[in-house]
Amino acid sequence: PDILPGLSLKTGVQLGYLLQSKETLMGVTNTNTDSFH
């Protein structure tokens, strides 16, 4: 803090929730959320 104020390293854990999943093939987009946890 005294020499390099504001510079920090960080780590921890991140919990994510999949709202929606979509795949696009041959220009057609479909929802495939059920294929993912």
Full PDB file with SEQRES, HELIX, SHEET, SSBOND, CRYST1, ORIGX, SCALE, CONECT and MASTER records, all heavy atoms in Angstrom:
SEQRES   1 A   37  PRO ASP ILE LEU PRO GLY LEU SER LEU LYS THR GLY VAL          
SEQRES   2 A   37  GLN LEU GLY TYR LEU LEU GLN SER LYS GLU THR LEU MET          
SEQRES   3 A   37  GLY VAL THR ASN THR ASN THR ASP SER PHE HIS                  
HELIX    1 AA1 THR A   33  SER A   35  5                                   3    
SHEET    1 AA1 2 LYS A  22  LEU A  25  0                                        
SHEET    2 AA1 2 VAL A  28  THR A  31 -1                                        
CRYST1    1.000    1.000    1.000  90.00  90.00  90.00 P 1           1          
ORIGX1      1.000000  0.000000  0.000000        0.00000                         
ORIGX2      0.000000  1.000000  0.000000        0.00000                         
ORIGX3      0.000000  0.000000  1.000000        0.00000                         
SCALE1      1.000000  0.000000  0.000000        0.00000                         
SCALE2      0.000000  1.000000  0.000000        0.00000                         
SCALE3      0.000000  0.000000  1.000000        0.00000                         
ATOM      1  N   PRO A   1       0.791  -1.231   0.000  1.00  0.00           N  
ATOM      2  CA  PRO A   1       0.000   0.000   0.000  1.00  0.00           C  
ATOM      3  C   PRO A   1       0.822   1.279   0.000  1.00  0.00           C  
ATOM      4  O   PRO A   1       0.393   2.297  -0.552  1.00  0.00           O  
ATOM      5  CB  PRO A   1      -0.835  -0.128   1.282  1.00  0.00           C  
ATOM      6  CG  PRO A   1      -0.881  -1.589   1.567  1.00  0.00           C  
ATOM      7  CD  PRO A   1       0.433  -2.137   1.101  1.00  0.00           C  
ATOM      8  N   ASP A   2       2.007   1.249   0.613  1.00  0.00           N  
ATOM      9  CA  ASP A   2       2.808   2.467   0.700  1.00  0.00           C  
ATOM     10  C   ASP A   2       3.611   2.737  -0.566  1.00  0.00           C  
ATOM     11  O   ASP A   2       3.944   3.888  -0.868  1.00  0.00           O  
ATOM     12  CB  ASP A   2       3.763   2.375   1.895  1.00  0.00           C  
ATOM     13  CG  ASP A   2       3.009   2.327   3.217  1.00  0.00           C  
ATOM     14  OD1 ASP A   2       1.914   2.925   3.285  1.00  0.00           O  
ATOM     15  OD2 ASP A   2       3.494   1.676   4.155  1.00  0.00           O  
ATOM     16  N   ILE A   3       3.936   1.675  -1.316  1.00  0.00           N  
ATOM     17  CA  ILE A   3       4.759   1.815  -2.515  1.00  0.00           C  
ATOM     18  C   ILE A   3       3.926   1.719  -3.793  1.00  0.00           C  
ATOM     19  O   ILE A   3       4.087   2.501  -4.730  1.00  0.00           O  
ATOM     20  CB  ILE A   3       5.878   0.757  -2.534  1.00  0.00           C  
ATOM     21  CG1 ILE A   3       6.761   0.911  -1.288  1.00  0.00           C  
ATOM     22  CG2 ILE A   3       6.716   0.867  -3.811  1.00  0.00           C  
ATOM     23  CD1 ILE A   3       7.826  -0.154  -1.157  1.00  0.00           C  
ATOM     24  N   LEU A   4       3.011   0.744  -3.809  1.00  0.00           N  
ATOM     25  CA  LEU A   4       2.143   0.535  -4.975  1.00  0.00           C  
ATOM     26  C   LEU A   4       0.685   0.609  -4.537  1.00  0.00           C  
ATOM     27  O   LEU A   4      -0.033  -0.394  -4.544  1.00  0.00           O  
ATOM     28  CB  LEU A   4       2.434  -0.830  -5.622  1.00  0.00           C  
ATOM     29  CG  LEU A   4       3.839  -1.025  -6.198  1.00  0.00           C  
ATOM     30  CD1 LEU A   4       4.047  -2.480  -6.601  1.00  0.00           C  
ATOM     31  CD2 LEU A   4       4.054  -0.109  -7.398  1.00  0.00           C  
ATOM     32  N   PRO A   5       0.222   1.760  -4.104  1.00  0.00           N  
ATOM     33  CA  PRO A   5      -1.167   1.872  -3.630  1.00  0.00           C  
ATOM     34  C   PRO A   5      -2.170   1.562  -4.730  1.00  0.00           C  
ATOM     35  O   PRO A   5      -2.024   1.993  -5.864  1.00  0.00           O  
ATOM     36  CB  PRO A   5      -1.270   3.338  -3.184  1.00  0.00           C  
ATOM     37  CG  PRO A   5      -0.220   4.037  -3.965  1.00  0.00           C  
ATOM     38  CD  PRO A   5       0.910   3.063  -4.104  1.00  0.00           C  
ATOM     39  N   GLY A   6      -3.169   0.759  -4.367  1.00  0.00           N  
ATOM     40  CA  GLY A   6      -4.226   0.441  -5.319  1.00  0.00           C  
ATOM     41  C   GLY A   6      -4.019  -0.828  -6.102  1.00  0.00           C  
ATOM     42  O   GLY A   6      -4.954  -1.327  -6.730  1.00  0.00           O  
ATOM     43  N   LEU A   7      -2.824  -1.394  -6.087  1.00  0.00           N  
ATOM     44  CA  LEU A   7      -2.545  -2.618  -6.834  1.00  0.00           C  
ATOM     45  C   LEU A   7      -2.800  -3.821  -5.935  1.00  0.00           C  
ATOM     46  O   LEU A   7      -2.230  -3.926  -4.852  1.00  0.00           O  
ATOM     47  CB  LEU A   7      -1.099  -2.629  -7.328  1.00  0.00           C  
ATOM     48  CG  LEU A   7      -0.712  -3.808  -8.230  1.00  0.00           C  
ATOM     49  CD1 LEU A   7      -1.504  -3.765  -9.533  1.00  0.00           C  
ATOM     50  CD2 LEU A   7       0.789  -3.775  -8.507  1.00  0.00           C  
ATOM     51  N   SER A   8      -3.664  -4.735  -6.381  1.00  0.00           N  
ATOM     52  CA  SER A   8      -4.019  -5.877  -5.540  1.00  0.00           C  
ATOM     53  C   SER A   8      -4.138  -7.159  -6.350  1.00  0.00           C  
ATOM     54  O   SER A   8      -4.463  -7.142  -7.542  1.00  0.00           O  
ATOM     55  CB  SER A   8      -5.339  -5.613  -4.797  1.00  0.00           C  
ATOM     56  OG  SER A   8      -6.417  -5.537  -5.709  1.00  0.00           O  
ATOM     57  N   LEU A   9      -3.867  -8.265  -5.675  1.00  0.00           N  
ATOM     58  CA  LEU A   9      -4.125  -9.602  -6.208  1.00  0.00           C  
ATOM     59  C   LEU A   9      -5.375 -10.134  -5.528  1.00  0.00           C  
ATOM     60  O   LEU A   9      -5.655  -9.798  -4.376  1.00  0.00           O  
ATOM     61  CB  LEU A   9      -2.935 -10.530  -5.940  1.00  0.00           C  
ATOM     62  CG  LEU A   9      -1.587 -10.093  -6.509  1.00  0.00           C  
ATOM     63  CD1 LEU A   9      -0.502 -11.081  -6.094  1.00  0.00           C  
ATOM     64  CD2 LEU A   9      -1.651  -9.967  -8.022  1.00  0.00           C  
ATOM     65  N   LYS A  10      -6.127 -10.989  -6.228  1.00  0.00           N  
ATOM     66  CA  LYS A  10      -7.366 -11.484  -5.650  1.00  0.00           C  
ATOM     67  C   LYS A  10      -7.618 -12.933  -6.029  1.00  0.00           C  
ATOM     68  O   LYS A  10      -7.223 -13.396  -7.106  1.00  0.00           O  
ATOM     69  CB  LYS A  10      -8.547 -10.616  -6.093  1.00  0.00           C  
ATOM     70  CG  LYS A  10      -8.739 -10.509  -7.591  1.00  0.00           C  
ATOM     71  CD  LYS A  10      -9.850  -9.525  -7.917  1.00  0.00           C  
ATOM     72  CE  LYS A  10      -9.538  -8.140  -7.435  1.00  0.00           C  
ATOM     73  NZ  LYS A  10     -10.630  -7.188  -7.619  1.00  0.00           N  
ATOM     74  N   THR A  11      -8.278 -13.641  -5.131  1.00  0.00           N  
ATOM     75  CA  THR A  11      -8.697 -15.006  -5.402  1.00  0.00           C  
ATOM     76  C   THR A  11      -9.855 -15.342  -4.479  1.00  0.00           C  
ATOM     77  O   THR A  11     -10.154 -14.597  -3.545  1.00  0.00           O  
ATOM     78  CB  THR A  11      -7.542 -16.003  -5.208  1.00  0.00           C  
ATOM     79  OG1 THR A  11      -7.952 -17.307  -5.668  1.00  0.00           O  
ATOM     80  CG2 THR A  11      -7.150 -16.103  -3.742  1.00  0.00           C  
ATOM     81  N   GLY A  12     -10.501 -16.468  -4.727  1.00  0.00           N  
ATOM     82  CA  GLY A  12     -11.649 -16.862  -3.928  1.00  0.00           C  
ATOM     83  C   GLY A  12     -12.436 -17.955  -4.622  1.00  0.00           C  
ATOM     84  O   GLY A  12     -11.861 -18.866  -5.220  1.00  0.00           O  
ATOM     85  N   VAL A  13     -13.747 -17.835  -4.572  1.00  0.00           N  
ATOM     86  CA  VAL A  13     -14.627 -18.799  -5.221  1.00  0.00           C  
ATOM     87  C   VAL A  13     -15.767 -18.040  -5.880  1.00  0.00           C  
ATOM     88  O   VAL A  13     -16.189 -16.984  -5.404  1.00  0.00           O  
ATOM     89  CB  VAL A  13     -15.168 -19.834  -4.200  1.00  0.00           C  
ATOM     90  CG1 VAL A  13     -16.035 -19.156  -3.152  1.00  0.00           C  
ATOM     91  CG2 VAL A  13     -15.944 -20.946  -4.902  1.00  0.00           C  
ATOM     92  N   GLN A  14     -16.247 -18.564  -6.993  1.00  0.00           N  
ATOM     93  CA  GLN A  14     -17.363 -17.936  -7.700  1.00  0.00           C  
ATOM     94  C   GLN A  14     -18.453 -18.966  -7.945  1.00  0.00           C  
ATOM     95  O   GLN A  14     -18.193 -20.049  -8.489  1.00  0.00           O  
ATOM     96  CB  GLN A  14     -16.889 -17.357  -9.033  1.00  0.00           C  
ATOM     97  CG  GLN A  14     -17.998 -16.700  -9.847  1.00  0.00           C  
ATOM     98  CD  GLN A  14     -17.462 -15.860 -10.973  1.00  0.00           C  
ATOM     99  OE1 GLN A  14     -16.955 -14.765 -10.760  1.00  0.00           O  
ATOM    100  NE2 GLN A  14     -17.572 -16.351 -12.198  1.00  0.00           N  
ATOM    101  N   LEU A  15     -19.662 -18.618  -7.530  1.00  0.00           N  
ATOM    102  CA  LEU A  15     -20.826 -19.490  -7.719  1.00  0.00           C  
ATOM    103  C   LEU A  15     -21.679 -18.919  -8.840  1.00  0.00           C  
ATOM    104  O   LEU A  15     -22.150 -17.786  -8.747  1.00  0.00           O  
ATOM    105  CB  LEU A  15     -21.629 -19.577  -6.418  1.00  0.00           C  
ATOM    106  CG  LEU A  15     -20.845 -19.990  -5.168  1.00  0.00           C  
ATOM    107  CD1 LEU A  15     -21.731 -19.947  -3.940  1.00  0.00           C  
ATOM    108  CD2 LEU A  15     -20.245 -21.369  -5.339  1.00  0.00           C  
ATOM    109  N   GLY A  16     -21.866 -19.698  -9.890  1.00  0.00           N  
ATOM    110  CA  GLY A  16     -22.631 -19.237 -11.041  1.00  0.00           C  
ATOM    111  C   GLY A  16     -23.901 -20.037 -11.254  1.00  0.00           C  
ATOM    112  O   GLY A  16     -23.970 -21.214 -10.905  1.00  0.00           O  
ATOM    113  N   TYR A  17     -24.892 -19.374 -11.830  1.00  0.00           N  
ATOM    114  CA  TYR A  17     -26.157 -20.036 -12.178  1.00  0.00           C  
ATOM    115  C   TYR A  17     -26.433 -19.785 -13.646  1.00  0.00           C  
ATOM    116  O   TYR A  17     -26.430 -18.637 -14.120  1.00  0.00           O  
ATOM    117  CB  TYR A  17     -27.309 -19.493 -11.327  1.00  0.00           C  
ATOM    118  CG  TYR A  17     -28.640 -20.170 -11.623  1.00  0.00           C  
ATOM    119  CD1 TYR A  17     -28.925 -21.425 -11.119  1.00  0.00           C  
ATOM    120  CD2 TYR A  17     -29.589 -19.545 -12.432  1.00  0.00           C  
ATOM    121  CE1 TYR A  17     -30.132 -22.058 -11.391  1.00  0.00           C  
ATOM    122  CE2 TYR A  17     -30.793 -20.164 -12.717  1.00  0.00           C  
ATOM    123  CZ  TYR A  17     -31.064 -21.428 -12.195  1.00  0.00           C  
ATOM    124  OH  TYR A  17     -32.252 -22.039 -12.485  1.00  0.00           O  
ATOM    125  N   LEU A  18     -26.658 -20.863 -14.387  1.00  0.00           N  
ATOM    126  CA  LEU A  18     -26.923 -20.757 -15.817  1.00  0.00           C  
ATOM    127  C   LEU A  18     -28.359 -20.302 -16.053  1.00  0.00           C  
ATOM    128  O   LEU A  18     -29.309 -21.028 -15.780  1.00  0.00           O  
ATOM    129  CB  LEU A  18     -26.678 -22.106 -16.494  1.00  0.00           C  
ATOM    130  CG  LEU A  18     -26.881 -22.161 -18.006  1.00  0.00           C  
ATOM    131  CD1 LEU A  18     -25.908 -21.232 -18.725  1.00  0.00           C  
ATOM    132  CD2 LEU A  18     -26.734 -23.588 -18.524  1.00  0.00           C  
ATOM    133  N   LEU A  19     -28.506 -19.093 -16.574  1.00  0.00           N  
ATOM    134  CA  LEU A  19     -29.835 -18.559 -16.870  1.00  0.00           C  
ATOM    135  C   LEU A  19     -30.416 -19.179 -18.133  1.00  0.00           C  
ATOM    136  O   LEU A  19     -31.592 -19.547 -18.175  1.00  0.00           O  
ATOM    137  CB  LEU A  19     -29.757 -17.037 -17.033  1.00  0.00           C  
ATOM    138  CG  LEU A  19     -29.253 -16.244 -15.833  1.00  0.00           C  
ATOM    139  CD1 LEU A  19     -29.083 -14.779 -16.216  1.00  0.00           C  
ATOM    140  CD2 LEU A  19     -30.210 -16.383 -14.662  1.00  0.00           C  
ATOM    141  N   GLN A  20     -29.567 -19.280 -19.158  1.00  0.00           N  
ATOM    142  CA  GLN A  20     -30.025 -19.803 -20.438  1.00  0.00           C  
ATOM    143  C   GLN A  20     -28.822 -20.206 -21.289  1.00  0.00           C  
ATOM    144  O   GLN A  20     -27.738 -19.642 -21.163  1.00  0.00           O  
ATOM    145  CB  GLN A  20     -30.858 -18.759 -21.182  1.00  0.00           C  
ATOM    146  CG  GLN A  20     -31.571 -19.280 -22.426  1.00  0.00           C  
ATOM    147  CD  GLN A  20     -32.405 -18.200 -23.102  1.00  0.00           C  
ATOM    148  OE1 GLN A  20     -31.886 -17.171 -23.500  1.00  0.00           O  
ATOM    149  NE2 GLN A  20     -33.700 -18.431 -23.242  1.00  0.00           N  
ATOM    150  N   SER A  21     -29.038 -21.204 -22.131  1.00  0.00           N  
ATOM    151  CA  SER A  21     -28.006 -21.643 -23.060  1.00  0.00           C  
ATOM    152  C   SER A  21     -28.601 -21.739 -24.462  1.00  0.00           C  
ATOM    153  O   SER A  21     -29.719 -22.226 -24.640  1.00  0.00           O  
ATOM    154  CB  SER A  21     -27.454 -23.008 -22.635  1.00  0.00           C  
ATOM    155  OG  SER A  21     -26.604 -23.529 -23.631  1.00  0.00           O  
ATOM    156  N   LYS A  22     -27.852 -21.249 -25.464  1.00  0.00           N  
ATOM    157  CA  LYS A  22     -28.307 -21.299 -26.846  1.00  0.00           C  
ATOM    158  C   LYS A  22     -27.179 -21.772 -27.755  1.00  0.00           C  
ATOM    159  O   LYS A  22     -26.010 -21.463 -27.522  1.00  0.00           O  
ATOM    160  CB  LYS A  22     -28.792 -19.927 -27.308  1.00  0.00           C  
ATOM    161  CG  LYS A  22     -30.065 -19.446 -26.617  1.00  0.00           C  
ATOM    162  CD  LYS A  22     -30.539 -18.123 -27.216  1.00  0.00           C  
ATOM    163  CE  LYS A  22     -31.846 -17.673 -26.577  1.00  0.00           C  
ATOM    164  NZ  LYS A  22     -32.350 -16.407 -27.178  1.00  0.00           N  
ATOM    165  N   GLU A  23     -27.548 -22.545 -28.782  1.00  0.00           N  
ATOM    166  CA  GLU A  23     -26.577 -22.938 -29.790  1.00  0.00           C  
ATOM    167  C   GLU A  23     -27.037 -22.438 -31.149  1.00  0.00           C  
ATOM    168  O   GLU A  23     -28.233 -22.380 -31.439  1.00  0.00           O  
ATOM    169  CB  GLU A  23     -26.384 -24.456 -29.818  1.00  0.00           C  
ATOM    170  CG  GLU A  23     -27.619 -25.251 -30.224  1.00  0.00           C  
ATOM    171  CD  GLU A  23     -27.316 -26.735 -30.363  1.00  0.00           C  
ATOM    172  OE1 GLU A  23     -26.133 -27.100 -30.308  1.00  0.00           O  
ATOM    173  OE2 GLU A  23     -28.265 -27.521 -30.536  1.00  0.00           O  
ATOM    174  N   THR A  24     -26.062 -22.048 -31.969  1.00  0.00           N  
ATOM    175  CA  THR A  24     -26.341 -21.559 -33.317  1.00  0.00           C  
ATOM    176  C   THR A  24     -25.625 -22.446 -34.321  1.00  0.00           C  
ATOM    177  O   THR A  24     -24.405 -22.610 -34.264  1.00  0.00           O  
ATOM    178  CB  THR A  24     -25.879 -20.109 -33.490  1.00  0.00           C  
ATOM    179  OG1 THR A  24     -26.552 -19.283 -32.533  1.00  0.00           O  
ATOM    180  CG2 THR A  24     -26.198 -19.605 -34.889  1.00  0.00           C  
ATOM    181  N   LEU A  25     -26.400 -23.041 -35.236  1.00  0.00           N  
ATOM    182  CA  LEU A  25     -25.854 -23.938 -36.250  1.00  0.00           C  
ATOM    183  C   LEU A  25     -26.545 -23.651 -37.572  1.00  0.00           C  
ATOM    184  O   LEU A  25     -27.779 -23.593 -37.631  1.00  0.00           O  
ATOM    185  CB  LEU A  25     -26.084 -25.402 -35.844  1.00  0.00           C  
ATOM    186  CG  LEU A  25     -25.474 -26.476 -36.739  1.00  0.00           C  
ATOM    187  CD1 LEU A  25     -23.963 -26.352 -36.792  1.00  0.00           C  
ATOM    188  CD2 LEU A  25     -25.864 -27.867 -36.240  1.00  0.00           C  
ATOM    189  N   MET A  26     -25.755 -23.427 -38.620  1.00  0.00           N  
ATOM    190  CA  MET A  26     -26.283 -23.107 -39.941  1.00  0.00           C  
ATOM    191  C   MET A  26     -27.187 -21.874 -39.901  1.00  0.00           C  
ATOM    192  O   MET A  26     -28.196 -21.798 -40.598  1.00  0.00           O  
ATOM    193  CB  MET A  26     -27.031 -24.299 -40.538  1.00  0.00           C  
ATOM    194  CG  MET A  26     -26.165 -25.527 -40.765  1.00  0.00           C  
ATOM    195  SD  MET A  26     -27.059 -26.909 -41.513  1.00  0.00           S  
ATOM    196  CE  MET A  26     -27.449 -26.209 -43.135  1.00  0.00           C  
ATOM    197  N   GLY A  27     -26.851 -20.919 -39.021  1.00  0.00           N  
ATOM    198  CA  GLY A  27     -27.616 -19.686 -38.926  1.00  0.00           C  
ATOM    199  C   GLY A  27     -28.893 -19.787 -38.130  1.00  0.00           C  
ATOM    200  O   GLY A  27     -29.627 -18.802 -38.007  1.00  0.00           O  
ATOM    201  N   VAL A  28     -29.184 -20.969 -37.567  1.00  0.00           N  
ATOM    202  CA  VAL A  28     -30.406 -21.180 -36.793  1.00  0.00           C  
ATOM    203  C   VAL A  28     -30.041 -21.306 -35.317  1.00  0.00           C  
ATOM    204  O   VAL A  28     -29.153 -22.091 -34.954  1.00  0.00           O  
ATOM    205  CB  VAL A  28     -31.155 -22.443 -37.252  1.00  0.00           C  
ATOM    206  CG1 VAL A  28     -32.403 -22.663 -36.399  1.00  0.00           C  
ATOM    207  CG2 VAL A  28     -31.521 -22.335 -38.725  1.00  0.00           C  
ATOM    208  N   THR A  29     -30.692 -20.523 -34.465  1.00  0.00           N  
ATOM    209  CA  THR A  29     -30.418 -20.524 -33.034  1.00  0.00           C  
ATOM    210  C   THR A  29     -31.520 -21.246 -32.274  1.00  0.00           C  
ATOM    211  O   THR A  29     -32.707 -20.972 -32.467  1.00  0.00           O  
ATOM    212  CB  THR A  29     -30.290 -19.088 -32.502  1.00  0.00           C  
ATOM    213  OG1 THR A  29     -29.230 -18.424 -33.187  1.00  0.00           O  
ATOM    214  CG2 THR A  29     -30.001 -19.082 -31.007  1.00  0.00           C  
ATOM    215  N   ASN A  30     -31.117 -22.189 -31.410  1.00  0.00           N  
ATOM    216  CA  ASN A  30     -32.055 -22.939 -30.590  1.00  0.00           C  
ATOM    217  C   ASN A  30     -31.615 -22.910 -29.130  1.00  0.00           C  
ATOM    218  O   ASN A  30     -30.415 -22.822 -28.830  1.00  0.00           O  
ATOM    219  CB  ASN A  30     -32.135 -24.401 -31.056  1.00  0.00           C  
ATOM    220  CG  ASN A  30     -32.712 -24.544 -32.451  1.00  0.00           C  
ATOM    221  OD1 ASN A  30     -33.840 -24.124 -32.711  1.00  0.00           O  
ATOM    222  ND2 ASN A  30     -31.938 -25.117 -33.357  1.00  0.00           N  
ATOM    223  N   THR A  31     -32.574 -22.998 -28.229  1.00  0.00           N  
ATOM    224  CA  THR A  31     -32.276 -23.073 -26.796  1.00  0.00           C  
ATOM    225  C   THR A  31     -31.963 -24.516 -26.416  1.00  0.00           C  
ATOM    226  O   THR A  31     -32.723 -25.431 -26.756  1.00  0.00           O  
ATOM    227  CB  THR A  31     -33.472 -22.573 -25.968  1.00  0.00           C  
ATOM    228  OG1 THR A  31     -33.748 -21.210 -26.316  1.00  0.00           O  
ATOM    229  CG2 THR A  31     -33.180 -22.655 -24.482  1.00  0.00           C  
ATOM    230  N   ASN A  32     -30.843 -24.728 -25.731  1.00  0.00           N  
ATOM    231  CA  ASN A  32     -30.460 -26.079 -25.301  1.00  0.00           C  
ATOM    232  C   ASN A  32     -30.030 -26.092 -23.835  1.00  0.00           C  
ATOM    233  O   ASN A  32     -29.076 -26.776 -23.453  1.00  0.00           O  
ATOM    234  CB  ASN A  32     -29.355 -26.646 -26.198  1.00  0.00           C  
ATOM    235  CG  ASN A  32     -28.058 -25.846 -26.119  1.00  0.00           C  
ATOM    236  OD1 ASN A  32     -28.059 -24.687 -25.711  1.00  0.00           O  
ATOM    237  ND2 ASN A  32     -26.956 -26.474 -26.489  1.00  0.00           N  
ATOM    238  N   THR A  33     -30.731 -25.322 -23.010  1.00  0.00           N  
ATOM    239  CA  THR A  33     -30.386 -25.200 -21.594  1.00  0.00           C  
ATOM    240  C   THR A  33     -30.425 -26.544 -20.880  1.00  0.00           C  
ATOM    241  O   THR A  33     -29.621 -26.795 -19.967  1.00  0.00           O  
ATOM    242  CB  THR A  33     -31.345 -24.213 -20.903  1.00  0.00           C  
ATOM    243  OG1 THR A  33     -31.398 -22.996 -21.660  1.00  0.00           O  
ATOM    244  CG2 THR A  33     -30.864 -23.881 -19.496  1.00  0.00           C  
ATOM    245  N   ASP A  34     -31.316 -27.444 -21.285  1.00  0.00           N  
ATOM    246  CA  ASP A  34     -31.440 -28.739 -20.623  1.00  0.00           C  
ATOM    247  C   ASP A  34     -30.209 -29.615 -20.804  1.00  0.00           C  
ATOM    248  O   ASP A  34     -30.048 -30.616 -20.087  1.00  0.00           O  
ATOM    249  CB  ASP A  34     -32.673 -29.486 -21.147  1.00  0.00           C  
ATOM    250  CG  ASP A  34     -33.981 -28.827 -20.729  1.00  0.00           C  
ATOM    251  OD1 ASP A  34     -33.949 -28.038 -19.760  1.00  0.00           O  
ATOM    252  OD2 ASP A  34     -35.021 -29.087 -21.367  1.00  0.00           O  
ATOM    253  N   SER A  35     -29.335 -29.266 -21.737  1.00  0.00           N  
ATOM    254  CA  SER A  35     -28.118 -30.058 -21.948  1.00  0.00           C  
ATOM    255  C   SER A  35     -27.012 -29.702 -20.955  1.00  0.00           C  
ATOM    256  O   SER A  35     -25.935 -30.313 -20.985  1.00  0.00           O  
ATOM    257  CB  SER A  35     -27.595 -29.854 -23.378  1.00  0.00           C  
ATOM    258  OG  SER A  35     -28.516 -30.328 -24.334  1.00  0.00           O  
ATOM    259  N   PHE A  36     -27.289 -28.713 -20.082  1.00  0.00           N  
ATOM    260  CA  PHE A  36     -26.283 -28.237 -19.137  1.00  0.00           C  
ATOM    261  C   PHE A  36     -26.816 -28.277 -17.713  1.00  0.00           C  
ATOM    262  O   PHE A  36     -27.999 -28.056 -17.475  1.00  0.00           O  
ATOM    263  CB  PHE A  36     -25.871 -26.794 -19.471  1.00  0.00           C  
ATOM    264  CG  PHE A  36     -25.142 -26.647 -20.763  1.00  0.00           C  
ATOM    265  CD1 PHE A  36     -25.839 -26.559 -21.964  1.00  0.00           C  
ATOM    266  CD2 PHE A  36     -23.750 -26.596 -20.787  1.00  0.00           C  
ATOM    267  CE1 PHE A  36     -25.162 -26.418 -23.173  1.00  0.00           C  
ATOM    268  CE2 PHE A  36     -23.074 -26.457 -21.981  1.00  0.00           C  
ATOM    269  CZ  PHE A  36     -23.772 -26.370 -23.176  1.00  0.00           C  
ATOM    270  N   HIS A  37     -25.911 -28.557 -16.765  1.00  0.00           N  
ATOM    271  CA  HIS A  37     -26.239 -28.372 -15.356  1.00  0.00           C  
ATOM    272  C   HIS A  37     -26.293 -26.871 -15.071  1.00  0.00           C  
ATOM    273  O   HIS A  37     -25.544 -26.088 -15.646  1.00  0.00           O  
ATOM    274  CB  HIS A  37     -25.193 -29.033 -14.462  1.00  0.00           C  
ATOM    275  CG  HIS A  37     -25.197 -30.530 -14.524  1.00  0.00           C  
ATOM    276  ND1 HIS A  37     -26.274 -31.290 -14.112  1.00  0.00           N  
ATOM    277  CD2 HIS A  37     -24.249 -31.407 -14.958  1.00  0.00           C  
ATOM    278  CE1 HIS A  37     -26.004 -32.576 -14.278  1.00  0.00           C  
ATOM    279  NE2 HIS A  37     -24.783 -32.673 -14.805  1.00  0.00           N  
TER     280      HIS A  37                                                      
MASTER        0    0    0    1    2    0    0    6  279    1    0    3          
END                                                                             
